[in-house]
N, C-alpha and C. Protein backbone atom coordinates (compact mmCIF):
# COMPACT_ATOMS: atom_id res chain seq x y z
N MET A 1 49.48 -8.56 -69.94
CA MET A 1 49.16 -9.81 -69.29
C MET A 1 50.28 -10.40 -69.04
N ILE A 2 50.06 -11.14 -67.69
CA ILE A 2 51.50 -11.32 -67.06
C ILE A 2 51.72 -13.09 -67.49
N LEU A 3 50.38 -14.31 -67.17
CA LEU A 3 50.79 -15.42 -68.27
C LEU A 3 49.39 -15.86 -68.14
N GLU A 4 49.16 -17.03 -69.20
CA GLU A 4 47.99 -17.50 -69.56
C GLU A 4 48.15 -18.80 -69.56
N THR A 5 46.51 -19.44 -68.61
CA THR A 5 46.30 -20.94 -68.28
C THR A 5 45.32 -20.94 -69.56
N GLU A 6 44.71 -22.40 -69.41
CA GLU A 6 43.77 -23.03 -70.49
C GLU A 6 42.59 -22.25 -70.06
N ARG A 7 42.26 -21.81 -68.86
CA ARG A 7 40.78 -21.14 -68.64
C ARG A 7 40.97 -19.40 -67.92
N LEU A 8 42.47 -19.26 -67.89
CA LEU A 8 42.43 -18.41 -66.78
C LEU A 8 43.75 -16.86 -67.59
N ILE A 9 43.45 -16.01 -67.55
CA ILE A 9 44.58 -15.05 -67.63
C ILE A 9 45.10 -14.17 -66.45
N LEU A 10 46.16 -14.34 -65.93
CA LEU A 10 46.75 -13.63 -64.71
C LEU A 10 47.29 -11.99 -65.05
N ARG A 11 46.97 -10.93 -65.19
CA ARG A 11 47.56 -9.81 -64.99
C ARG A 11 47.63 -9.02 -63.84
N LYS A 12 47.95 -7.44 -63.94
CA LYS A 12 48.28 -6.44 -62.76
C LYS A 12 47.05 -6.01 -62.98
N MET A 13 47.04 -5.92 -61.26
CA MET A 13 46.04 -5.45 -60.36
C MET A 13 45.88 -3.90 -60.97
N SER A 14 44.48 -2.63 -60.94
CA SER A 14 44.71 -1.99 -60.76
C SER A 14 43.76 -1.05 -59.71
N GLN A 15 43.30 0.58 -59.99
CA GLN A 15 42.25 1.17 -59.38
C GLN A 15 40.97 0.55 -59.61
N LEU A 16 41.02 0.19 -60.93
CA LEU A 16 39.76 -0.36 -61.11
C LEU A 16 39.14 -1.82 -60.41
N ASP A 17 39.98 -2.03 -60.30
CA ASP A 17 39.87 -3.68 -59.85
C ASP A 17 39.10 -3.57 -58.36
N PHE A 18 39.31 -2.61 -57.79
CA PHE A 18 38.86 -2.47 -56.05
C PHE A 18 37.19 -3.24 -55.81
N PRO A 19 36.72 -3.21 -56.38
CA PRO A 19 35.11 -3.77 -56.30
C PRO A 19 35.44 -5.27 -56.36
N ASP A 20 36.24 -5.82 -57.07
CA ASP A 20 36.38 -7.31 -57.63
C ASP A 20 36.76 -7.81 -56.09
N LEU A 21 38.21 -6.68 -55.61
CA LEU A 21 38.82 -7.79 -54.40
C LEU A 21 38.36 -7.36 -53.19
N ALA A 22 37.61 -6.36 -52.73
CA ALA A 22 36.60 -6.02 -51.78
C ALA A 22 35.81 -7.01 -51.90
N GLU A 23 35.16 -7.40 -52.95
CA GLU A 23 33.97 -8.66 -53.05
C GLU A 23 34.78 -10.37 -52.24
N ILE A 24 36.27 -10.26 -52.91
CA ILE A 24 36.88 -11.30 -52.18
C ILE A 24 37.32 -11.40 -50.38
N LEU A 25 38.30 -9.65 -50.40
CA LEU A 25 38.33 -9.89 -48.49
C LEU A 25 37.97 -9.08 -47.63
N GLN A 26 36.62 -9.10 -48.28
CA GLN A 26 35.92 -8.80 -47.21
C GLN A 26 34.78 -10.10 -47.30
N ASN A 27 35.02 -10.86 -48.10
CA ASN A 27 33.60 -12.16 -47.72
C ASN A 27 34.64 -13.08 -46.25
N PRO A 28 34.33 -13.25 -45.40
CA PRO A 28 34.39 -13.88 -44.04
C PRO A 28 35.14 -15.36 -44.56
N LYS A 29 34.28 -15.82 -45.50
CA LYS A 29 34.43 -17.33 -46.04
C LYS A 29 36.00 -17.46 -46.40
N VAL A 30 36.07 -16.28 -47.32
CA VAL A 30 36.99 -17.17 -47.93
C VAL A 30 38.37 -16.19 -47.04
N MET A 31 38.36 -15.41 -46.23
CA MET A 31 39.38 -14.97 -45.57
C MET A 31 39.18 -15.36 -44.36
N TYR A 32 38.66 -16.89 -43.75
CA TYR A 32 39.27 -17.12 -42.65
C TYR A 32 40.19 -17.83 -42.39
N ALA A 33 40.88 -17.83 -43.18
CA ALA A 33 42.57 -18.12 -42.66
C ALA A 33 42.88 -17.29 -41.86
N TYR A 34 42.91 -15.48 -42.40
CA TYR A 34 43.63 -14.40 -41.86
C TYR A 34 42.86 -13.76 -40.46
N GLU A 35 41.19 -14.28 -40.07
CA GLU A 35 40.67 -13.97 -38.96
C GLU A 35 40.27 -12.65 -38.64
N HIS A 36 40.62 -12.21 -39.99
CA HIS A 36 40.43 -10.71 -39.58
C HIS A 36 39.30 -9.95 -40.52
N ASN A 37 38.17 -9.14 -40.34
CA ASN A 37 37.41 -8.75 -41.09
C ASN A 37 37.95 -7.20 -41.88
N PHE A 38 38.56 -7.28 -43.32
CA PHE A 38 39.12 -5.57 -43.62
C PHE A 38 38.25 -4.95 -44.43
N SER A 39 38.20 -4.06 -43.71
CA SER A 39 37.59 -2.33 -44.08
C SER A 39 37.97 -2.10 -45.65
N GLU A 40 37.17 -1.16 -46.00
CA GLU A 40 37.40 -0.76 -47.57
C GLU A 40 39.38 0.00 -47.27
N SER A 41 39.54 0.47 -46.14
CA SER A 41 41.04 0.65 -45.77
C SER A 41 41.49 -0.37 -45.90
N ASP A 42 41.11 -1.40 -45.82
CA ASP A 42 42.51 -2.43 -45.69
C ASP A 42 42.47 -3.09 -46.94
N VAL A 43 41.46 -2.92 -47.51
CA VAL A 43 41.34 -3.48 -49.32
C VAL A 43 41.88 -2.58 -49.88
N GLN A 44 42.30 -1.53 -49.91
CA GLN A 44 42.94 -0.40 -50.71
C GLN A 44 44.46 -0.74 -50.77
N SER A 45 44.55 -0.78 -48.92
CA SER A 45 45.86 -0.96 -49.13
C SER A 45 46.26 -2.14 -49.10
N TRP A 46 45.68 -3.28 -49.21
CA TRP A 46 46.11 -4.98 -49.78
C TRP A 46 46.67 -4.11 -51.59
N LEU A 47 45.74 -3.64 -51.94
CA LEU A 47 45.82 -3.00 -53.58
C LEU A 47 46.91 -2.37 -54.08
N GLU A 48 47.54 -1.46 -53.12
CA GLU A 48 48.52 -0.54 -53.23
C GLU A 48 49.75 -1.30 -52.65
N ARG A 49 50.11 -2.77 -51.96
CA ARG A 49 50.14 -3.47 -51.72
C ARG A 49 51.21 -4.29 -52.76
N GLN A 50 50.41 -4.42 -53.33
CA GLN A 50 50.58 -5.30 -54.90
C GLN A 50 50.99 -4.93 -55.77
N ILE A 51 50.53 -2.91 -56.07
CA ILE A 51 50.99 -2.47 -56.94
C ILE A 51 52.42 -1.74 -56.56
N LYS A 52 52.69 -1.67 -54.83
CA LYS A 52 54.72 -1.80 -55.13
C LYS A 52 55.16 -2.50 -55.60
N ARG A 53 54.72 -4.13 -55.03
CA ARG A 53 55.19 -5.23 -55.10
C ARG A 53 55.96 -6.01 -56.73
N TYR A 54 54.76 -4.98 -57.37
CA TYR A 54 54.83 -5.03 -59.31
C TYR A 54 55.97 -4.18 -59.41
N ALA A 55 56.24 -2.89 -58.97
CA ALA A 55 57.51 -2.06 -58.72
C ALA A 55 58.50 -2.71 -58.71
N LYS A 56 58.80 -2.95 -57.17
CA LYS A 56 59.59 -3.71 -56.79
C LYS A 56 60.38 -5.19 -57.30
N TYR A 57 59.67 -5.73 -57.33
CA TYR A 57 60.29 -7.56 -57.69
C TYR A 57 59.39 -7.34 -58.91
N GLY A 58 58.76 -7.04 -59.75
CA GLY A 58 58.19 -7.80 -61.18
C GLY A 58 57.38 -8.34 -60.74
N PHE A 59 56.65 -8.38 -59.94
CA PHE A 59 55.69 -9.93 -59.45
C PHE A 59 54.95 -9.27 -58.26
N GLY A 60 53.76 -9.72 -57.68
CA GLY A 60 52.92 -9.95 -56.38
C GLY A 60 51.96 -10.87 -56.83
N LEU A 61 50.73 -10.42 -56.56
CA LEU A 61 49.30 -10.86 -56.28
C LEU A 61 48.42 -10.13 -57.93
N TRP A 62 47.80 -11.38 -58.61
CA TRP A 62 48.03 -10.58 -59.99
C TRP A 62 46.37 -10.89 -59.80
N ALA A 63 45.78 -9.91 -60.83
CA ALA A 63 44.05 -10.34 -60.67
C ALA A 63 43.67 -11.44 -61.83
N LEU A 64 43.00 -12.37 -61.36
CA LEU A 64 42.44 -13.67 -61.59
C LEU A 64 41.47 -13.69 -63.10
N VAL A 65 41.40 -13.74 -64.01
CA VAL A 65 39.96 -13.53 -64.73
C VAL A 65 40.01 -14.81 -65.76
N LEU A 66 38.76 -14.87 -66.12
CA LEU A 66 38.25 -15.99 -66.63
C LEU A 66 38.12 -15.34 -68.05
N LYS A 67 38.94 -16.36 -69.13
CA LYS A 67 39.54 -15.99 -70.30
C LYS A 67 38.21 -15.78 -71.29
N ASP A 68 37.23 -16.35 -70.71
CA ASP A 68 36.06 -16.46 -71.74
C ASP A 68 34.88 -15.14 -71.58
N SER A 69 34.86 -15.01 -70.04
CA SER A 69 34.32 -13.57 -69.94
C SER A 69 34.75 -12.28 -69.27
N GLY A 70 35.97 -12.53 -69.26
CA GLY A 70 36.46 -11.28 -68.68
C GLY A 70 36.57 -11.00 -67.34
N ALA A 71 35.76 -11.71 -66.71
CA ALA A 71 35.70 -11.84 -65.16
C ALA A 71 36.39 -12.15 -63.82
N MET A 72 37.27 -10.90 -63.16
CA MET A 72 37.74 -11.60 -62.12
C MET A 72 37.29 -12.04 -61.15
N ILE A 73 37.74 -13.27 -60.97
CA ILE A 73 37.15 -14.02 -60.01
C ILE A 73 38.22 -14.50 -59.01
N GLY A 74 39.29 -13.47 -59.08
CA GLY A 74 40.36 -13.88 -57.90
C GLY A 74 41.22 -13.17 -57.75
N GLN A 75 42.31 -13.61 -57.19
CA GLN A 75 43.99 -12.93 -57.25
C GLN A 75 44.84 -13.80 -57.26
N ALA A 76 45.93 -14.50 -57.89
CA ALA A 76 46.88 -15.28 -57.81
C ALA A 76 48.56 -14.92 -58.07
N GLY A 77 49.25 -15.18 -57.27
CA GLY A 77 50.64 -14.97 -57.78
C GLY A 77 51.57 -15.28 -57.02
N LEU A 78 52.78 -14.69 -57.37
CA LEU A 78 54.01 -14.62 -56.26
C LEU A 78 54.50 -13.50 -55.58
N THR A 79 54.73 -13.86 -54.05
CA THR A 79 55.05 -12.92 -53.10
C THR A 79 56.56 -13.35 -52.48
N MET A 80 57.21 -12.45 -51.71
CA MET A 80 57.99 -12.22 -50.81
C MET A 80 57.28 -12.74 -49.58
N GLN A 81 57.35 -13.69 -48.73
CA GLN A 81 57.24 -13.92 -47.28
C GLN A 81 57.96 -13.92 -46.17
N PRO A 82 57.91 -13.73 -44.94
CA PRO A 82 58.92 -13.89 -44.56
C PRO A 82 59.03 -15.40 -43.78
N TYR A 83 60.06 -15.72 -43.89
CA TYR A 83 60.28 -17.31 -42.98
C TYR A 83 61.21 -17.13 -42.20
N LYS A 84 61.26 -17.94 -41.33
CA LYS A 84 61.91 -17.60 -40.43
C LYS A 84 63.78 -16.64 -40.32
N GLY A 85 63.28 -15.47 -40.53
CA GLY A 85 64.35 -14.40 -40.50
C GLY A 85 64.76 -14.07 -42.04
N SER A 86 64.48 -15.40 -42.79
CA SER A 86 64.64 -14.75 -44.29
C SER A 86 63.55 -14.38 -44.75
N GLU A 87 63.42 -14.58 -46.22
CA GLU A 87 62.47 -14.54 -47.21
C GLU A 87 61.61 -15.36 -48.07
N VAL A 88 61.06 -16.01 -48.52
CA VAL A 88 60.29 -17.23 -49.23
C VAL A 88 59.96 -17.17 -49.91
N LEU A 89 60.21 -17.13 -51.90
CA LEU A 89 59.04 -16.93 -53.30
C LEU A 89 57.65 -17.37 -52.60
N GLU A 90 56.99 -17.27 -52.45
CA GLU A 90 55.67 -17.76 -52.22
C GLU A 90 54.51 -17.55 -53.46
N ILE A 91 54.09 -19.01 -53.84
CA ILE A 91 52.57 -18.76 -54.22
C ILE A 91 51.44 -18.68 -53.89
N GLY A 92 50.47 -17.74 -53.92
CA GLY A 92 49.50 -17.76 -53.18
C GLY A 92 48.44 -17.53 -54.11
N TYR A 93 47.02 -17.85 -53.34
CA TYR A 93 45.84 -17.39 -54.18
C TYR A 93 44.34 -16.90 -53.35
N LEU A 94 43.56 -16.69 -53.74
CA LEU A 94 42.43 -16.50 -53.19
C LEU A 94 41.15 -15.79 -54.21
N LEU A 95 40.39 -17.05 -54.37
CA LEU A 95 38.99 -17.05 -54.90
C LEU A 95 38.14 -16.26 -54.14
N LYS A 96 36.99 -15.51 -55.24
CA LYS A 96 35.42 -15.42 -54.84
C LYS A 96 34.92 -16.98 -54.78
N GLU A 97 34.16 -16.85 -53.80
CA GLU A 97 33.40 -18.26 -52.96
C GLU A 97 32.85 -18.79 -54.05
N ASN A 98 32.05 -17.98 -54.84
CA ASN A 98 31.95 -18.86 -56.02
C ASN A 98 32.02 -19.41 -57.22
N PHE A 99 33.61 -19.39 -57.42
CA PHE A 99 34.54 -20.02 -58.04
C PHE A 99 35.30 -20.94 -57.39
N TRP A 100 34.72 -21.28 -56.20
CA TRP A 100 35.83 -22.47 -55.26
C TRP A 100 35.82 -24.08 -56.01
N HIS A 101 36.31 -24.86 -55.83
CA HIS A 101 35.75 -26.50 -56.20
C HIS A 101 35.74 -26.37 -57.55
N GLN A 102 36.42 -25.99 -58.65
CA GLN A 102 36.58 -25.91 -60.22
C GLN A 102 37.63 -25.66 -60.52
N GLY A 103 38.29 -25.98 -59.91
CA GLY A 103 40.11 -26.24 -60.26
C GLY A 103 41.00 -25.19 -60.98
N TYR A 104 40.07 -23.61 -60.29
CA TYR A 104 41.06 -22.44 -60.55
C TYR A 104 42.40 -22.42 -59.39
N ALA A 105 41.98 -22.76 -58.83
CA ALA A 105 43.09 -22.09 -57.84
C ALA A 105 44.36 -23.43 -58.04
N ARG A 106 44.30 -24.38 -58.20
CA ARG A 106 45.49 -25.21 -58.82
C ARG A 106 45.55 -25.06 -60.07
N GLU A 107 44.74 -24.29 -61.15
CA GLU A 107 45.20 -24.32 -62.60
C GLU A 107 46.29 -22.51 -62.40
N ALA A 108 46.12 -21.47 -61.53
CA ALA A 108 46.47 -20.55 -60.81
C ALA A 108 48.11 -21.17 -60.89
N ALA A 109 47.51 -21.93 -59.57
CA ALA A 109 49.13 -22.09 -59.18
C ALA A 109 49.98 -22.84 -59.73
N LEU A 110 49.99 -24.06 -60.48
CA LEU A 110 50.81 -24.48 -61.09
C LEU A 110 50.85 -23.40 -62.35
N GLY A 111 50.68 -22.49 -63.06
CA GLY A 111 50.79 -21.44 -63.77
C GLY A 111 51.17 -20.53 -63.14
N CYS A 112 51.76 -19.90 -61.81
CA CYS A 112 52.31 -19.31 -60.41
C CYS A 112 54.02 -20.71 -60.82
N LYS A 113 53.90 -21.45 -60.26
CA LYS A 113 54.58 -22.34 -60.29
C LYS A 113 55.59 -22.37 -61.18
N GLN A 114 55.27 -22.34 -62.34
CA GLN A 114 55.95 -22.48 -64.15
C GLN A 114 56.42 -21.45 -64.37
N TYR A 115 55.78 -20.06 -64.07
CA TYR A 115 56.36 -18.74 -63.99
C TYR A 115 57.52 -18.65 -63.55
N ALA A 116 57.60 -19.12 -61.92
CA ALA A 116 58.48 -18.98 -60.88
C ALA A 116 60.06 -19.20 -61.79
N PHE A 117 59.73 -20.38 -62.16
CA PHE A 117 60.89 -21.53 -62.76
C PHE A 117 61.35 -20.83 -63.81
N GLU A 118 60.59 -20.66 -65.09
CA GLU A 118 60.67 -20.61 -65.97
C GLU A 118 61.07 -19.16 -66.64
N GLN A 119 60.11 -17.81 -66.10
CA GLN A 119 60.39 -16.58 -65.90
C GLN A 119 61.17 -15.77 -65.16
N LEU A 120 61.17 -16.44 -63.85
CA LEU A 120 61.59 -15.99 -62.80
C LEU A 120 63.42 -16.68 -62.61
N ASN A 121 63.61 -17.93 -62.97
CA ASN A 121 65.01 -18.49 -62.69
C ASN A 121 65.12 -19.38 -61.41
N ARG A 122 63.53 -19.10 -60.82
CA ARG A 122 63.84 -19.39 -59.19
C ARG A 122 64.07 -21.63 -59.15
N ASP A 123 64.44 -21.40 -58.53
CA ASP A 123 64.80 -23.10 -57.58
C ASP A 123 63.75 -23.55 -57.22
N LYS A 124 63.57 -22.65 -56.38
CA LYS A 124 62.29 -23.29 -55.27
C LYS A 124 61.23 -22.66 -55.24
N VAL A 125 60.13 -22.81 -54.78
CA VAL A 125 58.89 -22.13 -54.58
C VAL A 125 58.10 -22.51 -53.48
N TYR A 126 57.20 -21.85 -52.71
CA TYR A 126 56.72 -22.26 -51.57
C TYR A 126 55.26 -21.83 -51.42
N SER A 127 54.92 -22.58 -50.17
CA SER A 127 53.32 -22.02 -50.04
C SER A 127 53.30 -21.45 -49.16
N ILE A 128 52.59 -20.90 -48.34
CA ILE A 128 52.65 -20.96 -46.48
C ILE A 128 51.00 -21.26 -46.41
N ILE A 129 50.52 -22.38 -45.56
CA ILE A 129 49.35 -22.59 -45.37
C ILE A 129 48.92 -22.73 -44.14
N LYS A 130 47.98 -22.14 -43.40
CA LYS A 130 47.65 -22.30 -42.36
C LYS A 130 47.11 -23.60 -42.03
N ALA A 131 47.28 -24.15 -40.70
CA ALA A 131 47.59 -25.57 -40.45
C ALA A 131 46.19 -25.97 -40.72
N ASP A 132 44.51 -25.92 -40.25
CA ASP A 132 43.34 -25.87 -40.89
C ASP A 132 42.69 -25.59 -42.48
N ASN A 133 43.57 -25.01 -43.25
CA ASN A 133 43.22 -24.70 -44.35
C ASN A 133 43.51 -26.06 -45.57
N TYR A 134 42.62 -26.80 -45.31
CA TYR A 134 42.62 -28.11 -46.29
C TYR A 134 42.87 -28.24 -47.84
N ALA A 135 41.75 -27.41 -48.14
CA ALA A 135 41.90 -27.15 -49.45
C ALA A 135 43.20 -26.33 -49.83
N SER A 136 43.55 -25.65 -49.39
CA SER A 136 45.20 -24.95 -50.13
C SER A 136 45.93 -26.17 -49.68
N MET A 137 45.80 -26.87 -48.56
CA MET A 137 47.15 -27.86 -48.64
C MET A 137 46.92 -29.14 -49.68
N ARG A 138 45.72 -29.15 -50.35
CA ARG A 138 45.15 -30.48 -51.22
C ARG A 138 45.53 -29.80 -52.35
N VAL A 139 45.93 -28.12 -52.31
CA VAL A 139 45.89 -27.27 -54.01
C VAL A 139 47.44 -27.60 -54.28
N ALA A 140 48.02 -27.13 -52.82
CA ALA A 140 49.59 -27.37 -52.55
C ALA A 140 50.22 -28.59 -53.74
N GLU A 141 49.62 -29.84 -52.99
CA GLU A 141 50.29 -31.14 -53.18
C GLU A 141 49.29 -31.31 -54.36
N SER A 142 48.86 -31.10 -55.08
CA SER A 142 48.42 -31.67 -56.73
C SER A 142 49.52 -30.65 -57.38
N ILE A 143 49.48 -29.62 -57.01
CA ILE A 143 51.08 -29.36 -57.78
C ILE A 143 52.63 -29.57 -57.76
N GLY A 144 52.82 -30.64 -56.64
CA GLY A 144 54.11 -31.12 -56.23
C GLY A 144 54.43 -30.78 -55.19
N MET A 145 53.57 -29.33 -54.42
CA MET A 145 54.09 -29.58 -52.85
C MET A 145 54.37 -30.71 -52.56
N ARG A 146 55.23 -30.64 -51.28
CA ARG A 146 55.22 -31.15 -49.88
C ARG A 146 55.77 -30.47 -48.86
N LYS A 147 54.75 -30.89 -47.54
CA LYS A 147 54.96 -30.55 -46.39
C LYS A 147 56.45 -30.05 -46.19
N GLU A 148 57.17 -29.49 -45.53
CA GLU A 148 58.33 -29.26 -45.34
C GLU A 148 58.86 -28.65 -43.62
N ASP A 149 58.25 -27.87 -43.41
CA ASP A 149 58.00 -27.51 -41.93
C ASP A 149 56.60 -26.88 -41.46
N GLU A 150 57.16 -26.76 -40.47
CA GLU A 150 55.55 -25.93 -39.06
C GLU A 150 56.21 -25.10 -38.14
N PHE A 151 55.37 -24.13 -38.48
CA PHE A 151 56.38 -22.71 -37.83
C PHE A 151 54.59 -21.78 -37.47
N ILE A 152 54.50 -21.34 -36.29
CA ILE A 152 54.05 -20.19 -35.96
C ILE A 152 54.54 -18.77 -36.32
N THR A 153 53.26 -18.16 -37.15
CA THR A 153 53.16 -17.05 -37.46
C THR A 153 51.88 -16.26 -36.82
N ARG A 154 52.00 -14.89 -36.95
CA ARG A 154 51.62 -14.25 -36.30
C ARG A 154 50.58 -12.97 -37.58
N TYR A 155 49.51 -13.16 -37.46
CA TYR A 155 48.57 -12.57 -38.32
C TYR A 155 47.64 -11.42 -37.64
N TYR A 156 46.72 -11.25 -38.15
CA TYR A 156 45.72 -10.09 -37.31
C TYR A 156 45.57 -10.46 -36.17
N ASN A 157 44.97 -11.70 -35.67
CA ASN A 157 44.77 -12.43 -33.94
C ASN A 157 45.44 -12.74 -33.36
N GLY A 158 46.52 -12.56 -33.84
CA GLY A 158 47.50 -13.51 -33.08
C GLY A 158 48.03 -14.39 -33.62
N ASP A 159 48.93 -15.88 -32.81
CA ASP A 159 50.07 -16.71 -33.25
C ASP A 159 48.90 -17.59 -34.31
N MET A 160 49.71 -18.49 -35.43
CA MET A 160 49.13 -19.39 -35.70
C MET A 160 49.91 -20.38 -35.83
N LEU A 161 49.41 -21.52 -35.81
CA LEU A 161 50.24 -22.87 -36.45
C LEU A 161 50.14 -22.53 -38.06
N HIS A 162 51.31 -22.72 -39.03
CA HIS A 162 51.18 -23.02 -40.20
C HIS A 162 51.99 -23.88 -40.99
N PHE A 163 52.13 -24.42 -42.32
CA PHE A 163 52.85 -25.55 -42.57
C PHE A 163 53.37 -24.59 -43.97
N LEU A 164 55.00 -25.06 -43.42
CA LEU A 164 55.30 -24.48 -45.18
C LEU A 164 55.94 -25.78 -45.85
N TYR A 165 55.04 -25.21 -46.95
CA TYR A 165 55.04 -26.37 -48.54
C TYR A 165 56.21 -25.65 -49.74
N SER A 166 56.81 -26.54 -50.14
CA SER A 166 57.54 -26.27 -51.25
C SER A 166 57.88 -27.76 -52.33
N VAL A 167 57.94 -26.57 -53.73
CA VAL A 167 58.64 -27.73 -54.69
C VAL A 167 59.72 -26.92 -54.93
N SER A 168 60.55 -27.73 -56.10
CA SER A 168 61.60 -27.26 -56.19
C SER A 168 61.83 -27.54 -57.98
N ARG A 169 62.78 -27.22 -58.36
CA ARG A 169 63.03 -27.38 -59.97
C ARG A 169 63.26 -28.80 -60.26
N GLN A 170 63.87 -29.26 -59.64
CA GLN A 170 64.62 -30.73 -59.73
C GLN A 170 63.41 -31.46 -59.83
N GLU A 171 62.54 -31.17 -58.87
CA GLU A 171 61.21 -31.92 -58.32
C GLU A 171 60.41 -32.28 -59.78
N THR A 172 60.01 -30.97 -60.01
CA THR A 172 59.57 -30.75 -61.49
C THR A 172 59.79 -31.29 -62.35
N GLU A 173 60.92 -31.38 -62.80
CA GLU A 173 61.57 -32.04 -64.19
C GLU A 173 61.90 -33.51 -63.99
N LYS A 174 61.42 -34.10 -62.95
CA LYS A 174 61.77 -35.33 -62.95
C LYS A 174 61.23 -36.78 -63.35
């Protein structure tokens, strides 16, 4: 276990999580921000990328597991993401569609923010959000983040407008 919240456990993913991960990544409604249909090979690459992140950084996207049932309902965590020639520490999350609108994304994001400040001793954490992803904007704002910048980034199907949200440790301590 990496971290625990009131209802959730975040832990490293393993190959055993492939079916749950595929359910997330292969759902077009969940992955609309990516505008890409994920193949089995894409899902495997995604999983392997997380495992490499654990080894390189000590963090990545983790399995999001319900405490009461042990069911994997999504993934959430911290990743280093490119931003204007450098990298930022990003909070990210993707939940299975039937677990949307129950506060799990906010709970996981808040846990990741606290982990970044308390365990990784970072001064600032970010979320990179596609310009039409209003649900993720609400989650970011609910954990104290504010829009800092707008920029274009390239994903699978071309250039897309994104917003950079952030919150600093100082803002959290006020």
